[in-house]
Amino acid sequence: AVLLLLRSVVPAAMLVPDLAGEYVWGWAEKAEQEERQAALAYL
């Protein structure tokens, strides 16, 4: 049988700049990429 291993990624929220030049809570693209790379290595 096929065994599908699912790893969910929920990057830690952090203050990131928006278009208005202010900082809001969100997921930085770099943080998400790092989480994905770590998850891939784990799987």
Full PDB file with SEQRES, HELIX, SHEET, SSBOND, CRYST1, ORIGX, SCALE, CONECT and MASTER records, all heavy atoms in Angstrom:
SEQRES   1 A   43  ALA VAL LEU LEU LEU LEU ARG SER VAL VAL PRO ALA ALA          
SEQRES   2 A   43  MET LEU VAL PRO ASP LEU ALA GLY GLU TYR VAL TRP GLY          
SEQRES   3 A   43  TRP ALA GLU LYS ALA GLU GLN GLU GLU ARG GLN ALA ALA          
SEQRES   4 A   43  LEU ALA TYR LEU                                              
HELIX    1 AA1 GLU A   29  TYR A   42  1                                  14    
SHEET    1 AA1 2 MET A  14  PRO A  17  0                                        
SHEET    2 AA1 2 TYR A  23  GLY A  26 -1                                        
CRYST1    1.000    1.000    1.000  90.00  90.00  90.00 P 1           1          
ORIGX1      1.000000  0.000000  0.000000        0.00000                         
ORIGX2      0.000000  1.000000  0.000000        0.00000                         
ORIGX3      0.000000  0.000000  1.000000        0.00000                         
SCALE1      1.000000  0.000000  0.000000        0.00000                         
SCALE2      0.000000  1.000000  0.000000        0.00000                         
SCALE3      0.000000  0.000000  1.000000        0.00000                         
ATOM      1  N   ALA A   1       0.824  -1.200   0.000  1.00  0.00           N  
ATOM      2  CA  ALA A   1       0.000   0.000   0.000  1.00  0.00           C  
ATOM      3  C   ALA A   1       0.865   1.259   0.000  1.00  0.00           C  
ATOM      4  O   ALA A   1       2.052   1.236   0.342  1.00  0.00           O  
ATOM      5  CB  ALA A   1      -0.919   0.006   1.219  1.00  0.00           C  
ATOM      6  N   VAL A   2       0.244   2.359  -0.394  1.00  0.00           N  
ATOM      7  CA  VAL A   2       0.909   3.663  -0.375  1.00  0.00           C  
ATOM      8  C   VAL A   2       0.773   4.260   1.019  1.00  0.00           C  
ATOM      9  O   VAL A   2      -0.329   4.303   1.589  1.00  0.00           O  
ATOM     10  CB  VAL A   2       0.288   4.620  -1.410  1.00  0.00           C  
ATOM     11  CG1 VAL A   2       0.879   6.025  -1.261  1.00  0.00           C  
ATOM     12  CG2 VAL A   2       0.508   4.090  -2.816  1.00  0.00           C  
ATOM     13  N   LEU A   3       1.890   4.710   1.561  1.00  0.00           N  
ATOM     14  CA  LEU A   3       1.901   5.354   2.864  1.00  0.00           C  
ATOM     15  C   LEU A   3       2.262   6.823   2.639  1.00  0.00           C  
ATOM     16  O   LEU A   3       3.401   7.157   2.313  1.00  0.00           O  
ATOM     17  CB  LEU A   3       2.927   4.680   3.775  1.00  0.00           C  
ATOM     18  CG  LEU A   3       2.726   4.805   5.278  1.00  0.00           C  
ATOM     19  CD1 LEU A   3       1.419   4.165   5.698  1.00  0.00           C  
ATOM     20  CD2 LEU A   3       3.880   4.160   6.018  1.00  0.00           C  
ATOM     21  N   LEU A   4       1.279   7.697   2.790  1.00  0.00           N  
ATOM     22  CA  LEU A   4       1.487   9.128   2.548  1.00  0.00           C  
ATOM     23  C   LEU A   4       1.784   9.823   3.872  1.00  0.00           C  
ATOM     24  O   LEU A   4       0.934   9.889   4.763  1.00  0.00           O  
ATOM     25  CB  LEU A   4       0.243   9.734   1.892  1.00  0.00           C  
ATOM     26  CG  LEU A   4       0.288  11.229   1.576  1.00  0.00           C  
ATOM     27  CD1 LEU A   4       1.474  11.555   0.658  1.00  0.00           C  
ATOM     28  CD2 LEU A   4      -1.018  11.684   0.942  1.00  0.00           C  
ATOM     29  N   LEU A   5       2.997  10.333   4.000  1.00  0.00           N  
ATOM     30  CA  LEU A   5       3.423  11.033   5.213  1.00  0.00           C  
ATOM     31  C   LEU A   5       3.161  12.521   5.031  1.00  0.00           C  
ATOM     32  O   LEU A   5       3.728  13.155   4.134  1.00  0.00           O  
ATOM     33  CB  LEU A   5       4.905  10.787   5.479  1.00  0.00           C  
ATOM     34  CG  LEU A   5       5.365   9.324   5.445  1.00  0.00           C  
ATOM     35  CD1 LEU A   5       6.872   9.239   5.681  1.00  0.00           C  
ATOM     36  CD2 LEU A   5       4.605   8.494   6.476  1.00  0.00           C  
ATOM     37  N   LEU A   6       2.304  13.080   5.864  1.00  0.00           N  
ATOM     38  CA  LEU A   6       1.929  14.486   5.747  1.00  0.00           C  
ATOM     39  C   LEU A   6       2.583  15.298   6.856  1.00  0.00           C  
ATOM     40  O   LEU A   6       2.381  15.026   8.040  1.00  0.00           O  
ATOM     41  CB  LEU A   6       0.408  14.632   5.832  1.00  0.00           C  
ATOM     42  CG  LEU A   6      -0.128  16.071   5.833  1.00  0.00           C  
ATOM     43  CD1 LEU A   6       0.181  16.759   4.509  1.00  0.00           C  
ATOM     44  CD2 LEU A   6      -1.627  16.084   6.110  1.00  0.00           C  
ATOM     45  N   ARG A   7       3.351  16.284   6.446  1.00  0.00           N  
ATOM     46  CA  ARG A   7       4.000  17.194   7.407  1.00  0.00           C  
ATOM     47  C   ARG A   7       3.439  18.583   7.170  1.00  0.00           C  
ATOM     48  O   ARG A   7       3.644  19.187   6.116  1.00  0.00           O  
ATOM     49  CB  ARG A   7       5.514  17.179   7.201  1.00  0.00           C  
ATOM     50  CG  ARG A   7       6.290  18.096   8.142  1.00  0.00           C  
ATOM     51  CD  ARG A   7       6.324  17.525   9.551  1.00  0.00           C  
ATOM     52  NE  ARG A   7       7.385  18.138  10.325  1.00  0.00           N  
ATOM     53  CZ  ARG A   7       7.248  19.265  11.043  1.00  0.00           C  
ATOM     54  NH1 ARG A   7       6.091  19.886  11.064  1.00  0.00           N  
ATOM     55  NH2 ARG A   7       8.272  19.738  11.725  1.00  0.00           N  
ATOM     56  N   SER A   8       2.689  19.073   8.146  1.00  0.00           N  
ATOM     57  CA  SER A   8       2.141  20.423   8.028  1.00  0.00           C  
ATOM     58  C   SER A   8       3.149  21.442   8.539  1.00  0.00           C  
ATOM     59  O   SER A   8       3.894  21.183   9.488  1.00  0.00           O  
ATOM     60  CB  SER A   8       0.841  20.540   8.814  1.00  0.00           C  
ATOM     61  OG  SER A   8       1.068  20.280  10.187  1.00  0.00           O  
ATOM     62  N   VAL A   9       3.177  22.565   7.886  1.00  0.00           N  
ATOM     63  CA  VAL A   9       4.108  23.637   8.240  1.00  0.00           C  
ATOM     64  C   VAL A   9       3.304  24.855   8.664  1.00  0.00           C  
ATOM     65  O   VAL A   9       2.458  25.344   7.914  1.00  0.00           O  
ATOM     66  CB  VAL A   9       5.022  23.996   7.056  1.00  0.00           C  
ATOM     67  CG1 VAL A   9       5.881  25.206   7.400  1.00  0.00           C  
ATOM     68  CG2 VAL A   9       5.892  22.808   6.676  1.00  0.00           C  
ATOM     69  N   VAL A  10       3.561  25.318   9.866  1.00  0.00           N  
ATOM     70  CA  VAL A  10       2.921  26.538  10.360  1.00  0.00           C  
ATOM     71  C   VAL A  10       4.028  27.463  10.842  1.00  0.00           C  
ATOM     72  O   VAL A  10       4.433  27.418  12.001  1.00  0.00           O  
ATOM     73  CB  VAL A  10       1.936  26.235  11.509  1.00  0.00           C  
ATOM     74  CG1 VAL A  10       1.219  27.510  11.943  1.00  0.00           C  
ATOM     75  CG2 VAL A  10       0.940  25.172  11.093  1.00  0.00           C  
ATOM     76  N   PRO A  11       4.582  28.308   9.946  1.00  0.00           N  
ATOM     77  CA  PRO A  11       5.684  29.196  10.319  1.00  0.00           C  
ATOM     78  C   PRO A  11       5.298  30.115  11.462  1.00  0.00           C  
ATOM     79  O   PRO A  11       4.136  30.534  11.575  1.00  0.00           O  
ATOM     80  CB  PRO A  11       5.944  29.989   9.039  1.00  0.00           C  
ATOM     81  CG  PRO A  11       5.355  29.167   7.948  1.00  0.00           C  
ATOM     82  CD  PRO A  11       4.177  28.484   8.559  1.00  0.00           C  
ATOM     83  N   ALA A  12       6.259  30.411  12.308  1.00  0.00           N  
ATOM     84  CA  ALA A  12       6.004  31.312  13.421  1.00  0.00           C  
ATOM     85  C   ALA A  12       5.701  32.708  12.897  1.00  0.00           C  
ATOM     86  O   ALA A  12       6.374  33.211  11.987  1.00  0.00           O  
ATOM     87  CB  ALA A  12       7.213  31.348  14.352  1.00  0.00           C  
ATOM     88  N   ALA A  13       4.659  33.321  13.446  1.00  0.00           N  
ATOM     89  CA  ALA A  13       4.309  34.675  13.023  1.00  0.00           C  
ATOM     90  C   ALA A  13       5.356  35.660  13.533  1.00  0.00           C  
ATOM     91  O   ALA A  13       5.907  35.508  14.618  1.00  0.00           O  
ATOM     92  CB  ALA A  13       2.928  35.038  13.560  1.00  0.00           C  
ATOM     93  N   MET A  14       5.628  36.692  12.719  1.00  0.00           N  
ATOM     94  CA  MET A  14       6.601  37.717  13.096  1.00  0.00           C  
ATOM     95  C   MET A  14       6.205  39.040  12.474  1.00  0.00           C  
ATOM     96  O   MET A  14       5.355  39.108  11.587  1.00  0.00           O  
ATOM     97  CB  MET A  14       8.004  37.305  12.632  1.00  0.00           C  
ATOM     98  CG  MET A  14       8.137  37.133  11.135  1.00  0.00           C  
ATOM     99  SD  MET A  14       9.780  36.549  10.661  1.00  0.00           S  
ATOM    100  CE  MET A  14       9.810  34.944  11.425  1.00  0.00           C  
ATOM    101  N   LEU A  15       6.785  40.098  12.979  1.00  0.00           N  
ATOM    102  CA  LEU A  15       6.501  41.415  12.429  1.00  0.00           C  
ATOM    103  C   LEU A  15       7.219  41.588  11.098  1.00  0.00           C  
ATOM    104  O   LEU A  15       8.441  41.442  11.016  1.00  0.00           O  
ATOM    105  CB  LEU A  15       6.944  42.508  13.413  1.00  0.00           C  
ATOM    106  CG  LEU A  15       6.074  42.679  14.664  1.00  0.00           C  
ATOM    107  CD1 LEU A  15       6.730  43.629  15.657  1.00  0.00           C  
ATOM    108  CD2 LEU A  15       4.688  43.189  14.275  1.00  0.00           C  
ATOM    109  N   VAL A  16       6.454  41.865  10.046  1.00  0.00           N  
ATOM    110  CA  VAL A  16       7.018  42.061   8.718  1.00  0.00           C  
ATOM    111  C   VAL A  16       6.483  43.371   8.146  1.00  0.00           C  
ATOM    112  O   VAL A  16       5.353  43.786   8.446  1.00  0.00           O  
ATOM    113  CB  VAL A  16       6.654  40.891   7.778  1.00  0.00           C  
ATOM    114  CG1 VAL A  16       7.278  39.606   8.274  1.00  0.00           C  
ATOM    115  CG2 VAL A  16       5.149  40.728   7.670  1.00  0.00           C  
ATOM    116  N   PRO A  17       7.273  44.058   7.321  1.00  0.00           N  
ATOM    117  CA  PRO A  17       6.820  45.333   6.758  1.00  0.00           C  
ATOM    118  C   PRO A  17       5.749  45.127   5.693  1.00  0.00           C  
ATOM    119  O   PRO A  17       5.804  44.175   4.923  1.00  0.00           O  
ATOM    120  CB  PRO A  17       8.100  45.906   6.148  1.00  0.00           C  
ATOM    121  CG  PRO A  17       8.960  44.721   5.880  1.00  0.00           C  
ATOM    122  CD  PRO A  17       8.644  43.730   6.947  1.00  0.00           C  
ATOM    123  N   ASP A  18       4.733  46.026   5.671  1.00  0.00           N  
ATOM    124  CA  ASP A  18       3.732  45.965   4.622  1.00  0.00           C  
ATOM    125  C   ASP A  18       3.984  47.081   3.609  1.00  0.00           C  
ATOM    126  O   ASP A  18       4.985  47.802   3.684  1.00  0.00           O  
ATOM    127  CB  ASP A  18       2.319  46.060   5.196  1.00  0.00           C  
ATOM    128  CG  ASP A  18       2.049  47.413   5.883  1.00  0.00           C  
ATOM    129  OD1 ASP A  18       2.944  48.294   5.827  1.00  0.00           O  
ATOM    130  OD2 ASP A  18       0.960  47.570   6.452  1.00  0.00           O  
ATOM    131  N   LEU A  19       3.082  47.236   2.647  1.00  0.00           N  
ATOM    132  CA  LEU A  19       3.280  48.213   1.570  1.00  0.00           C  
ATOM    133  C   LEU A  19       3.274  49.642   2.090  1.00  0.00           C  
ATOM    134  O   LEU A  19       3.874  50.540   1.473  1.00  0.00           O  
ATOM    135  CB  LEU A  19       2.175  48.039   0.516  1.00  0.00           C  
ATOM    136  CG  LEU A  19       2.199  46.705  -0.240  1.00  0.00           C  
ATOM    137  CD1 LEU A  19       1.026  46.633  -1.214  1.00  0.00           C  
ATOM    138  CD2 LEU A  19       3.514  46.527  -0.986  1.00  0.00           C  
ATOM    139  N   ALA A  20       2.616  49.877   3.191  1.00  0.00           N  
ATOM    140  CA  ALA A  20       2.551  51.237   3.745  1.00  0.00           C  
ATOM    141  C   ALA A  20       3.776  51.594   4.565  1.00  0.00           C  
ATOM    142  O   ALA A  20       3.869  52.689   5.113  1.00  0.00           O  
ATOM    143  CB  ALA A  20       1.293  51.370   4.595  1.00  0.00           C  
ATOM    144  N   GLY A  21       4.697  50.672   4.670  1.00  0.00           N  
ATOM    145  CA  GLY A  21       5.900  50.931   5.434  1.00  0.00           C  
ATOM    146  C   GLY A  21       5.772  50.624   6.910  1.00  0.00           C  
ATOM    147  O   GLY A  21       6.715  50.840   7.676  1.00  0.00           O  
ATOM    148  N   GLU A  22       4.595  50.118   7.317  1.00  0.00           N  
ATOM    149  CA  GLU A  22       4.398  49.760   8.717  1.00  0.00           C  
ATOM    150  C   GLU A  22       4.647  48.269   8.907  1.00  0.00           C  
ATOM    151  O   GLU A  22       4.746  47.519   7.941  1.00  0.00           O  
ATOM    152  CB  GLU A  22       2.979  50.123   9.150  1.00  0.00           C  
ATOM    153  CG  GLU A  22       2.670  51.610   9.038  1.00  0.00           C  
ATOM    154  CD  GLU A  22       1.253  51.916   9.465  1.00  0.00           C  
ATOM    155  OE1 GLU A  22       0.514  50.948   9.737  1.00  0.00           O  
ATOM    156  OE2 GLU A  22       0.889  53.110   9.523  1.00  0.00           O  
ATOM    157  N   TYR A  23       4.740  47.882  10.154  1.00  0.00           N  
ATOM    158  CA  TYR A  23       4.986  46.479  10.456  1.00  0.00           C  
ATOM    159  C   TYR A  23       3.694  45.814  10.933  1.00  0.00           C  
ATOM    160  O   TYR A  23       2.963  46.356  11.763  1.00  0.00           O  
ATOM    161  CB  TYR A  23       6.073  46.325  11.527  1.00  0.00           C  
ATOM    162  CG  TYR A  23       7.466  46.530  10.971  1.00  0.00           C  
ATOM    163  CD1 TYR A  23       7.998  47.817  10.846  1.00  0.00           C  
ATOM    164  CD2 TYR A  23       8.233  45.445  10.562  1.00  0.00           C  
ATOM    165  CE1 TYR A  23       9.274  48.013  10.323  1.00  0.00           C  
ATOM    166  CE2 TYR A  23       9.509  45.621  10.039  1.00  0.00           C  
ATOM    167  CZ  TYR A  23      10.017  46.901   9.922  1.00  0.00           C  
ATOM    168  OH  TYR A  23      11.278  47.093   9.390  1.00  0.00           O  
ATOM    169  N   VAL A  24       3.422  44.627  10.390  1.00  0.00           N  
ATOM    170  CA  VAL A  24       2.242  43.854  10.781  1.00  0.00           C  
ATOM    171  C   VAL A  24       2.676  42.420  11.058  1.00  0.00           C  
ATOM    172  O   VAL A  24       3.744  41.976  10.620  1.00  0.00           O  
ATOM    173  CB  VAL A  24       1.173  43.867   9.662  1.00  0.00           C  
ATOM    174  CG1 VAL A  24       0.662  45.277   9.419  1.00  0.00           C  
ATOM    175  CG2 VAL A  24       1.731  43.273   8.375  1.00  0.00           C  
ATOM    176  N   TRP A  25       1.825  41.687  11.778  1.00  0.00           N  
ATOM    177  CA  TRP A  25       2.123  40.286  12.043  1.00  0.00           C  
ATOM    178  C   TRP A  25       1.857  39.456  10.783  1.00  0.00           C  
ATOM    179  O   TRP A  25       0.823  39.584  10.154  1.00  0.00           O  
ATOM    180  CB  TRP A  25       1.272  39.758  13.197  1.00  0.00           C  
ATOM    181  CG  TRP A  25       1.711  40.272  14.543  1.00  0.00           C  
ATOM    182  CD1 TRP A  25       1.123  41.249  15.275  1.00  0.00           C  
ATOM    183  CD2 TRP A  25       2.851  39.831  15.281  1.00  0.00           C  
ATOM    184  NE1 TRP A  25       1.819  41.467  16.440  1.00  0.00           N  
ATOM    185  CE2 TRP A  25       2.884  40.600  16.481  1.00  0.00           C  
ATOM    186  CE3 TRP A  25       3.843  38.874  15.065  1.00  0.00           C  
ATOM    187  CZ2 TRP A  25       3.864  40.432  17.441  1.00  0.00           C  
ATOM    188  CZ3 TRP A  25       4.822  38.708  16.032  1.00  0.00           C  
ATOM    189  CH2 TRP A  25       4.830  39.477  17.201  1.00  0.00           C  
ATOM    190  N   GLY A  26       2.793  38.607  10.435  1.00  0.00           N  
ATOM    191  CA  GLY A  26       2.638  37.771   9.248  1.00  0.00           C  
ATOM    192  C   GLY A  26       3.727  36.734   9.165  1.00  0.00           C  
ATOM    193  O   GLY A  26       4.548  36.591  10.070  1.00  0.00           O  
ATOM    194  N   TRP A  27       3.748  36.008   8.071  1.00  0.00           N  
ATOM    195  CA  TRP A  27       4.756  34.983   7.840  1.00  0.00           C  
ATOM    196  C   TRP A  27       5.762  35.504   6.832  1.00  0.00           C  
ATOM    197  O   TRP A  27       5.421  35.750   5.673  1.00  0.00           O  
ATOM    198  CB  TRP A  27       4.124  33.705   7.289  1.00  0.00           C  
ATOM    199  CG  TRP A  27       3.192  33.025   8.228  1.00  0.00           C  
ATOM    200  CD1 TRP A  27       2.979  33.318   9.532  1.00  0.00           C  
ATOM    201  CD2 TRP A  27       2.336  31.932   7.909  1.00  0.00           C  
ATOM    202  NE1 TRP A  27       2.043  32.479  10.064  1.00  0.00           N  
ATOM    203  CE2 TRP A  27       1.627  31.610   9.093  1.00  0.00           C  
ATOM    204  CE3 TRP A  27       2.095  31.185   6.755  1.00  0.00           C  
ATOM    205  CZ2 TRP A  27       0.709  30.590   9.154  1.00  0.00           C  
ATOM    206  CZ3 TRP A  27       1.174  30.163   6.821  1.00  0.00           C  
ATOM    207  CH2 TRP A  27       0.496  29.867   8.008  1.00  0.00           C  
ATOM    208  N   ALA A  28       6.971  35.663   7.280  1.00  0.00           N  
ATOM    209  CA  ALA A  28       8.011  36.103   6.360  1.00  0.00           C  
ATOM    210  C   ALA A  28       8.314  34.988   5.361  1.00  0.00           C  
ATOM    211  O   ALA A  28       8.327  33.811   5.715  1.00  0.00           O  
ATOM    212  CB  ALA A  28       9.276  36.475   7.135  1.00  0.00           C  
ATOM    213  N   GLU A  29       8.529  35.347   4.107  1.00  0.00           N  
ATOM    214  CA  GLU A  29       8.776  34.341   3.073  1.00  0.00           C  
ATOM    215  C   GLU A  29       9.998  33.502   3.406  1.00  0.00           C  
ATOM    216  O   GLU A  29      10.014  32.291   3.207  1.00  0.00           O  
ATOM    217  CB  GLU A  29       8.962  35.032   1.732  1.00  0.00           C  
ATOM    218  CG  GLU A  29       9.170  34.056   0.575  1.00  0.00           C  
ATOM    219  CD  GLU A  29       9.288  34.763  -0.759  1.00  0.00           C  
ATOM    220  OE1 GLU A  29       9.012  35.968  -0.811  1.00  0.00           O  
ATOM    221  OE2 GLU A  29       9.660  34.095  -1.731  1.00  0.00           O  
ATOM    222  N   LYS A  30      11.016  34.122   3.946  1.00  0.00           N  
ATOM    223  CA  LYS A  30      12.232  33.394   4.300  1.00  0.00           C  
ATOM    224  C   LYS A  30      11.949  32.362   5.391  1.00  0.00           C  
ATOM    225  O   LYS A  30      12.439  31.225   5.334  1.00  0.00           O  
ATOM    226  CB  LYS A  30      13.314  34.363   4.769  1.00  0.00           C  
ATOM    227  CG  LYS A  30      14.631  33.683   5.121  1.00  0.00           C  
ATOM    228  CD  LYS A  30      15.680  34.688   5.557  1.00  0.00           C  
ATOM    229  CE  LYS A  30      16.988  33.984   5.912  1.00  0.00           C  
ATOM    230  NZ  LYS A  30      18.024  34.945   6.362  1.00  0.00           N  
ATOM    231  N   ALA A  31      11.120  32.751   6.383  1.00  0.00           N  
ATOM    232  CA  ALA A  31      10.798  31.826   7.467  1.00  0.00           C  
ATOM    233  C   ALA A  31      10.045  30.617   6.935  1.00  0.00           C  
ATOM    234  O   ALA A  31      10.291  29.482   7.344  1.00  0.00           O  
ATOM    235  CB  ALA A  31       9.962  32.540   8.528  1.00  0.00           C  
ATOM    236  N   GLU A  32       9.123  30.846   5.990  1.00  0.00           N  
ATOM    237  CA  GLU A  32       8.370  29.739   5.418  1.00  0.00           C  
ATOM    238  C   GLU A  32       9.279  28.808   4.628  1.00  0.00           C  
ATOM    239  O   GLU A  32       9.150  27.580   4.713  1.00  0.00           O  
ATOM    240  CB  GLU A  32       7.252  30.267   4.515  1.00  0.00           C  
ATOM    241  CG  GLU A  32       6.407  29.146   3.927  1.00  0.00           C  
ATOM    242  CD  GLU A  32       5.256  29.667   3.087  1.00  0.00           C  
ATOM    243  OE1 GLU A  32       4.791  30.790   3.351  1.00  0.00           O  
ATOM    244  OE2 GLU A  32       4.826  28.934   2.167  1.00  0.00           O  
ATOM    245  N   GLN A  33      10.202  29.366   3.885  1.00  0.00           N  
ATOM    246  CA  GLN A  33      11.134  28.539   3.126  1.00  0.00           C  
ATOM    247  C   GLN A  33      11.992  27.685   4.051  1.00  0.00           C  
ATOM    248  O   GLN A  33      12.241  26.505   3.779  1.00  0.00           O  
ATOM    249  CB  GLN A  33      12.015  29.427   2.247  1.00  0.00           C  
ATOM    250  CG  GLN A  33      11.272  30.111   1.108  1.00  0.00           C  
ATOM    251  CD  GLN A  33      12.158  31.058   0.326  1.00  0.00           C  
ATOM    252  OE1 GLN A  33      13.280  31.366   0.741  1.00  0.00           O  
ATOM    253  NE2 GLN A  33      11.666  31.523  -0.815  1.00  0.00           N  
ATOM    254  N   GLU A  34      12.436  28.279   5.142  1.00  0.00           N  
ATOM    255  CA  GLU A  34      13.261  27.536   6.100  1.00  0.00           C  
ATOM    256  C   GLU A  34      12.457  26.401   6.734  1.00  0.00           C  
ATOM    257  O   GLU A  34      12.976  25.295   6.927  1.00  0.00           O  
ATOM    258  CB  GLU A  34      13.791  28.483   7.172  1.00  0.00           C  
ATOM    259  CG  GLU A  34      14.829  29.472   6.647  1.00  0.00           C  
ATOM    260  CD  GLU A  34      15.261  30.457   7.709  1.00  0.00           C  
ATOM    261  OE1 GLU A  34      14.609  30.504   8.774  1.00  0.00           O  
ATOM    262  OE2 GLU A  34      16.240  31.186   7.472  1.00  0.00           O  
ATOM    263  N   GLU A  35      11.192  26.683   7.060  1.00  0.00           N  
ATOM    264  CA  GLU A  35      10.330  25.651   7.632  1.00  0.00           C  
ATOM    265  C   GLU A  35      10.120  24.512   6.639  1.00  0.00           C  
ATOM    266  O   GLU A  35      10.135  23.336   6.992  1.00  0.00           O  
ATOM    267  CB  GLU A  35       8.980  26.251   8.035  1.00  0.00           C  
ATOM    268  CG  GLU A  35       9.032  27.183   9.230  1.00  0.00           C  
ATOM    269  CD  GLU A  35       9.145  26.431  10.533  1.00  0.00           C  
ATOM    270  OE1 GLU A  35       8.990  25.189  10.519  1.00  0.00           O  
ATOM    271  OE2 GLU A  35       9.390  27.062  11.567  1.00  0.00           O  
ATOM    272  N   ARG A  36       9.933  24.857   5.376  1.00  0.00           N  
ATOM    273  CA  ARG A  36       9.735  23.832   4.346  1.00  0.00           C  
ATOM    274  C   ARG A  36      10.983  22.974   4.179  1.00  0.00           C  
ATOM    275  O   ARG A  36      10.900  21.751   4.042  1.00  0.00           O  
ATOM    276  CB  ARG A  36       9.380  24.491   3.011  1.00  0.00           C  
ATOM    277  CG  ARG A  36       7.916  24.918   2.896  1.00  0.00           C  
ATOM    278  CD  ARG A  36       7.645  25.464   1.500  1.00  0.00           C  
ATOM    279  NE  ARG A  36       6.249  25.730   1.272  1.00  0.00           N  
ATOM    280  CZ  ARG A  36       5.355  24.827   0.867  1.00  0.00           C  
ATOM    281  NH1 ARG A  36       5.737  23.575   0.634  1.00  0.00           N  
ATOM    282  NH2 ARG A  36       4.094  25.155   0.672  1.00  0.00           N  
ATOM    283  N   GLN A  37      12.146  23.605   4.166  1.00  0.00           N  
ATOM    284  CA  GLN A  37      13.393  22.858   4.007  1.00  0.00           C  
ATOM    285  C   GLN A  37      13.619  21.909   5.181  1.00  0.00           C  
ATOM    286  O   GLN A  37      14.027  20.754   4.996  1.00  0.00           O  
ATOM    287  CB  GLN A  37      14.562  23.839   3.876  1.00  0.00           C  
ATOM    288  CG  GLN A  37      14.557  24.625   2.564  1.00  0.00           C  
ATOM    289  CD  GLN A  37      15.622  25.696   2.533  1.00  0.00           C  
ATOM    290  OE1 GLN A  37      16.330  25.927   3.520  1.00  0.00           O  
ATOM    291  NE2 GLN A  37      15.757  26.364   1.387  1.00  0.00           N  
ATOM    292  N   ALA A  38      13.324  22.386   6.387  1.00  0.00           N  
ATOM    293  CA  ALA A  38      13.474  21.533   7.570  1.00  0.00           C  
ATOM    294  C   ALA A  38      12.487  20.365   7.521  1.00  0.00           C  
ATOM    295  O   ALA A  38      12.829  19.229   7.859  1.00  0.00           O  
ATOM    296  CB  ALA A  38      13.266  22.355   8.836  1.00  0.00           C  
ATOM    297  N   ALA A  39      11.260  20.644   7.081  1.00  0.00           N  
ATOM    298  CA  ALA A  39      10.240  19.600   6.983  1.00  0.00           C  
ATOM    299  C   ALA A  39      10.619  18.568   5.929  1.00  0.00           C  
ATOM    300  O   ALA A  39      10.417  17.363   6.123  1.00  0.00           O  
ATOM    301  CB  ALA A  39       8.887  20.219   6.657  1.00  0.00           C  
ATOM    302  N   LEU A  40      11.179  19.030   4.815  1.00  0.00           N  
ATOM    303  CA  LEU A  40      11.598  18.123   3.749  1.00  0.00           C  
ATOM    304  C   LEU A  40      12.709  17.197   4.228  1.00  0.00           C  
ATOM    305  O   LEU A  40      12.682  15.981   3.978  1.00  0.00           O  
ATOM    306  CB  LEU A  40      12.059  18.928   2.536  1.00  0.00           C  
ATOM    307  CG  LEU A  40      12.557  18.118   1.337  1.00  0.00           C  
ATOM    308  CD1 LEU A  40      11.453  17.210   0.817  1.00  0.00           C  
ATOM    309  CD2 LEU A  40      13.073  19.044   0.233  1.00  0.00           C  
ATOM    310  N   ALA A  41      13.686  17.754   4.927  1.00  0.00           N  
ATOM    311  CA  ALA A  41      14.781  16.945   5.454  1.00  0.00           C  
ATOM    312  C   ALA A  41      14.255  15.922   6.465  1.00  0.00           C  
ATOM    313  O   ALA A  41      14.698  14.761   6.489  1.00  0.00           O  
ATOM    314  CB  ALA A  41      15.821  17.844   6.111  1.00  0.00           C  
ATOM    315  N   TYR A  42      13.289  16.335   7.268  1.00  0.00           N  
ATOM    316  CA  TYR A  42      12.696  15.429   8.261  1.00  0.00           C  
ATOM    317  C   TYR A  42      11.981  14.268   7.574  1.00  0.00           C  
ATOM    318  O   TYR A  42      12.172  13.102   7.940  1.00  0.00           O  
ATOM    319  CB  TYR A  42      11.721  16.216   9.134  1.00  0.00           C  
ATOM    320  CG  TYR A  42      10.860  15.355  10.023  1.00  0.00           C  
ATOM    321  CD1 TYR A  42      11.373  14.769  11.175  1.00  0.00           C  
ATOM    322  CD2 TYR A  42       9.515  15.131   9.713  1.00  0.00           C  
ATOM    323  CE1 TYR A  42      10.587  13.974  11.991  1.00  0.00           C  
ATOM    324  CE2 TYR A  42       8.716  14.339  10.524  1.00  0.00           C  
ATOM    325  CZ  TYR A  42       9.253  13.763  11.664  1.00  0.00           C  
ATOM    326  OH  TYR A  42       8.473  12.979  12.458  1.00  0.00           O  
ATOM    327  N   LEU A  43      11.171  14.558   6.566  1.00  0.00           N  
ATOM    328  CA  LEU A  43      10.440  13.508   5.866  1.00  0.00           C  
ATOM    329  C   LEU A  43      11.380  12.549   5.141  1.00  0.00           C  
ATOM    330  O   LEU A  43      11.132  11.342   5.102  1.00  0.00           O  
ATOM    331  CB  LEU A  43       9.450  14.118   4.875  1.00  0.00           C  
ATOM    332  CG  LEU A  43       8.211  14.770   5.474  1.00  0.00           C  
ATOM    333  CD1 LEU A  43       7.315  15.317   4.369  1.00  0.00           C  
ATOM    334  CD2 LEU A  43       7.430  13.793   6.345  1.00  0.00           C  
TER     335      LEU A  43                                                      
MASTER        0    0    0    1    2    0    0    6  334    1    0    4          
END                                                                             
